[in-house]
């Protein structure tokens, strides 16, 4: 049986960002921006920053009709 995919790659749907050295947290509403903000905060401050990302992928999508 052939499996169909909704998209060829998993889609990034959320990101959760937290600094372990201060109270800073990133904005997870735009996961790509959150990744950039986490990198910039870590580079600027030297702090340890944790980022958790979530991806979604759909196999055998059903028609909405």
Protein backbone atom coordinates (compact mmCIF):
# COMPACT_ATOMS: atom_id res chain seq x y z
CA UNK A 1 0.00 0.00 0.00
CA UNK A 2 1.32 3.43 -0.95
CA UNK A 3 1.33 6.09 1.77
CA UNK A 4 0.52 9.67 0.78
CA UNK A 5 1.97 12.68 2.54
CA UNK A 6 0.32 16.06 3.16
CA UNK A 7 3.70 17.70 2.47
CA UNK A 8 7.12 16.37 1.54
CA UNK A 9 8.66 17.51 4.83
CA UNK A 10 7.51 17.83 8.40
CA UNK A 11 6.16 21.33 9.11
CA UNK A 12 7.53 23.34 12.05
CA UNK A 13 4.49 24.30 14.14
CA UNK A 14 5.80 25.57 17.48
CA UNK A 15 8.87 26.47 19.48
CA UNK A 16 9.33 26.87 23.21
CA UNK A 17 12.35 28.89 24.36
CA UNK A 18 13.79 29.38 27.85
CA UNK A 19 17.04 30.76 29.23
CA UNK A 20 18.48 28.74 32.11
CA UNK A 21 20.53 31.66 33.43
CA UNK A 22 17.90 34.42 33.56
CA UNK A 23 14.13 34.83 33.33
CA UNK A 24 14.15 35.43 29.57
CA UNK A 25 11.74 33.43 27.41
CA UNK A 26 11.23 33.67 23.67
CA UNK A 27 8.01 34.26 21.81
CA UNK A 28 6.83 30.92 20.43
CA UNK A 29 4.09 32.36 18.20
CA UNK A 30 6.48 32.31 15.22
CA UNK A 31 8.74 29.26 15.63
CA UNK A 32 11.30 30.44 13.07
CA UNK A 33 11.61 33.80 14.82
CA UNK A 34 11.85 32.05 18.21
CA UNK A 35 14.83 30.02 16.98
CA UNK A 36 16.57 33.20 15.85
CA UNK A 37 15.80 35.02 19.11
CA UNK A 38 17.16 32.08 21.12
CA UNK A 39 20.39 32.07 19.12
CA UNK A 40 20.77 35.84 19.43
CA UNK A 41 20.15 35.77 23.21
CA UNK A 42 22.71 32.98 23.71
CA UNK A 43 25.31 34.76 21.56
CA UNK A 44 24.75 38.15 23.20
CA UNK A 45 24.71 36.97 26.82
CA UNK A 46 26.67 33.70 26.81
CA UNK A 47 23.72 32.10 28.64
CA UNK A 48 22.54 28.53 28.18
CA UNK A 49 19.30 28.71 26.17
CA UNK A 50 16.99 25.74 25.63
CA UNK A 51 14.72 25.58 22.59
CA UNK A 52 12.20 22.83 22.02
CA UNK A 53 10.63 22.60 18.58
CA UNK A 54 7.61 20.65 17.40
CA UNK A 55 6.95 19.37 13.92
CA UNK A 56 3.82 17.98 12.30
CA UNK A 57 3.40 15.61 9.37
CA UNK A 58 0.21 14.02 8.02
CA UNK A 59 0.14 10.61 6.39
CA UNK A 60 -2.74 9.62 4.08
CA UNK A 61 -4.61 12.95 4.27
CA UNK A 62 -8.36 12.66 3.75
CA UNK A 63 -10.23 14.94 1.37
CA UNK A 64 -12.28 17.57 3.13
CA UNK A 65 -15.15 17.07 0.68
